[in-house]
Amino acid sequence: MGVEQVADSSGMMKELTAYIATKVVKGKSEISEDTPLVSSGLIDSFALIEIFLELQKIAGVKVPASKVQAKDMDTVRLMFATAEKFGKPVKR
């Protein structure tokens, strides 16, 4: 899948949303693609790193961490927009 298609894939967004709901917040809160995660305090910086790594895996891209700020990772939708903007395809 090309980087330009990353943000348009609702299936990948649903996969990351489910990952966050089950593995990170462990069902304590309802999560959607537009749920504020960082600004609401729902996730901390350690969880953000875990989610960032999972985002890259699901999207099949490598995103330079130096290009990403917490505000770029506040919602799943923003995460995929960031992956589309800065991500480079992973050679498999």
C-alpha atoms as a PDB file:
ATOM      1  CA  MET A   1       0.000   0.000   0.000  1.00  0.00           C
ATOM      2  CA  GLY A   2       1.335   3.423  -0.897  1.00  0.00           C
ATOM      3  CA  VAL A   3       1.859   6.125   1.669  1.00  0.00           C
ATOM      4  CA  GLU A   4      -0.728   8.305  -0.080  1.00  0.00           C
ATOM      5  CA  GLN A   5      -3.377   5.694   0.733  1.00  0.00           C
ATOM      6  CA  VAL A   6      -2.605   5.451   4.440  1.00  0.00           C
ATOM      7  CA  ALA A   7      -4.999   8.139   5.682  1.00  0.00           C
ATOM      8  CA  ASP A   8      -7.851   6.846   3.533  1.00  0.00           C
ATOM      9  CA  SER A   9      -7.893   3.363   4.977  1.00  0.00           C
ATOM     10  CA  SER A  10     -10.688   3.111   7.501  1.00  0.00           C
ATOM     11  CA  GLY A  11      -9.814  -0.559   8.075  1.00  0.00           C
ATOM     12  CA  MET A  12      -6.369   0.380   9.348  1.00  0.00           C
ATOM     13  CA  MET A  13      -7.858   3.127  11.522  1.00  0.00           C
ATOM     14  CA  LYS A  14     -10.303   0.612  13.010  1.00  0.00           C
ATOM     15  CA  GLU A  15      -7.419  -1.800  13.657  1.00  0.00           C
ATOM     16  CA  LEU A  16      -5.394   0.837  15.518  1.00  0.00           C
ATOM     17  CA  THR A  17      -8.479   2.044  17.400  1.00  0.00           C
ATOM     18  CA  ALA A  18      -9.180  -1.531  18.541  1.00  0.00           C
ATOM     19  CA  TYR A  19      -5.526  -1.936  19.570  1.00  0.00           C
ATOM     20  CA  ILE A  20      -5.679   1.217  21.701  1.00  0.00           C
ATOM     21  CA  ALA A  21      -9.004   0.212  23.251  1.00  0.00           C
ATOM     22  CA  THR A  22      -7.893  -3.304  24.210  1.00  0.00           C
ATOM     23  CA  LYS A  23      -4.134  -3.060  24.809  1.00  0.00           C
ATOM     24  CA  VAL A  24      -3.624   0.509  26.030  1.00  0.00           C
ATOM     25  CA  VAL A  25      -6.746   1.745  27.803  1.00  0.00           C
ATOM     26  CA  LYS A  26      -7.935  -1.837  28.370  1.00  0.00           C
ATOM     27  CA  GLY A  27     -11.629  -1.113  27.863  1.00  0.00           C
ATOM     28  CA  LYS A  28     -11.762   1.689  30.462  1.00  0.00           C
ATOM     29  CA  SER A  29     -13.041   4.141  27.861  1.00  0.00           C
ATOM     30  CA  GLU A  30     -14.826   4.091  24.508  1.00  0.00           C
ATOM     31  CA  ILE A  31     -12.412   4.948  21.710  1.00  0.00           C
ATOM     32  CA  SER A  32     -13.180   6.146  18.189  1.00  0.00           C
ATOM     33  CA  GLU A  33     -10.998   7.521  15.389  1.00  0.00           C
ATOM     34  CA  ASP A  34     -11.668  11.030  16.720  1.00  0.00           C
ATOM     35  CA  THR A  35     -11.332  10.461  20.478  1.00  0.00           C
ATOM     36  CA  PRO A  36      -8.782  12.892  21.981  1.00  0.00           C
ATOM     37  CA  LEU A  37      -6.157  10.649  23.547  1.00  0.00           C
ATOM     38  CA  VAL A  38      -3.285  12.911  24.579  1.00  0.00           C
ATOM     39  CA  SER A  39      -5.103  16.180  25.290  1.00  0.00           C
ATOM     40  CA  SER A  40      -7.719  14.378  27.409  1.00  0.00           C
ATOM     41  CA  GLY A  41      -5.075  12.607  29.493  1.00  0.00           C
ATOM     42  CA  LEU A  42      -6.415   9.215  28.391  1.00  0.00           C
ATOM     43  CA  ILE A  43      -2.930   8.070  27.411  1.00  0.00           C
ATOM     44  CA  ASP A  44       0.506   9.059  28.682  1.00  0.00           C
ATOM     45  CA  SER A  45       3.790   9.500  26.854  1.00  0.00           C
ATOM     46  CA  PHE A  46       4.825   5.873  27.380  1.00  0.00           C
ATOM     47  CA  ALA A  47       1.582   4.629  25.834  1.00  0.00           C
ATOM     48  CA  LEU A  48       2.052   7.101  22.992  1.00  0.00           C
ATOM     49  CA  ILE A  49       5.350   5.470  22.050  1.00  0.00           C
ATOM     50  CA  GLU A  50       3.707   2.045  22.025  1.00  0.00           C
ATOM     51  CA  ILE A  51       0.874   3.375  19.835  1.00  0.00           C
ATOM     52  CA  PHE A  52       3.344   5.109  17.496  1.00  0.00           C
ATOM     53  CA  LEU A  53       5.151   1.818  16.915  1.00  0.00           C
ATOM     54  CA  GLU A  54       1.870   0.004  16.292  1.00  0.00           C
ATOM     55  CA  LEU A  55       0.764   2.756  13.870  1.00  0.00           C
ATOM     56  CA  GLN A  56       3.899   2.224  11.792  1.00  0.00           C
ATOM     57  CA  LYS A  57       3.350  -1.531  11.788  1.00  0.00           C
ATOM     58  CA  ILE A  58      -0.303  -1.299  10.736  1.00  0.00           C
ATOM     59  CA  ALA A  59       0.306   1.424   8.134  1.00  0.00           C
ATOM     60  CA  GLY A  60       3.432  -0.254   6.751  1.00  0.00           C
ATOM     61  CA  VAL A  61       5.462   2.946   6.935  1.00  0.00           C
ATOM     62  CA  LYS A  62       8.410   4.299   8.879  1.00  0.00           C
ATOM     63  CA  VAL A  63       7.777   7.739  10.356  1.00  0.00           C
ATOM     64  CA  PRO A  64      10.763   9.734  11.672  1.00  0.00           C
ATOM     65  CA  ALA A  65      10.048  10.328  15.371  1.00  0.00           C
ATOM     66  CA  SER A  66      11.691  13.751  15.078  1.00  0.00           C
ATOM     67  CA  LYS A  67       8.847  14.855  12.776  1.00  0.00           C
ATOM     68  CA  VAL A  68       6.072  13.901  15.207  1.00  0.00           C
ATOM     69  CA  GLN A  69       4.689  16.006  18.045  1.00  0.00           C
ATOM     70  CA  ALA A  70       2.117  14.989  20.669  1.00  0.00           C
ATOM     71  CA  LYS A  71      -0.539  17.124  18.943  1.00  0.00           C
ATOM     72  CA  ASP A  72      -0.028  15.017  15.790  1.00  0.00           C
ATOM     73  CA  MET A  73      -0.921  11.919  17.793  1.00  0.00           C
ATOM     74  CA  ASP A  74      -3.993  13.188  19.668  1.00  0.00           C
ATOM     75  CA  THR A  75      -6.495  11.102  17.668  1.00  0.00           C
ATOM     76  CA  VAL A  76      -6.239   8.013  15.504  1.00  0.00           C
ATOM     77  CA  ARG A  77      -7.298  10.101  12.498  1.00  0.00           C
ATOM     78  CA  LEU A  78      -4.451  12.582  13.157  1.00  0.00           C
ATOM     79  CA  MET A  79      -2.014   9.684  13.578  1.00  0.00           C
ATOM     80  CA  PHE A  80      -2.814   8.360  10.113  1.00  0.00           C
ATOM     81  CA  ALA A  81      -2.608  11.866   8.607  1.00  0.00           C
ATOM     82  CA  THR A  82       0.850  12.170  10.180  1.00  0.00           C
ATOM     83  CA  ALA A  83       1.841   8.758   8.810  1.00  0.00           C
ATOM     84  CA  GLU A  84       0.688   9.851   5.354  1.00  0.00           C
ATOM     85  CA  LYS A  85       2.576  13.152   5.551  1.00  0.00           C
ATOM     86  CA  PHE A  86       5.903  11.916   6.933  1.00  0.00           C
ATOM     87  CA  GLY A  87       5.902   8.144   6.430  1.00  0.00           C
ATOM     88  CA  LYS A  88       8.153   6.287   4.044  1.00  0.00           C
ATOM     89  CA  PRO A  89       7.203   2.802   2.816  1.00  0.00           C
ATOM     90  CA  VAL A  90       8.853  -0.028   4.697  1.00  0.00           C
ATOM     91  CA  LYS A  91      10.826  -2.402   2.510  1.00  0.00           C
ATOM     92  CA  ARG A  92       9.534  -5.901   3.063  1.00  0.00           C
END
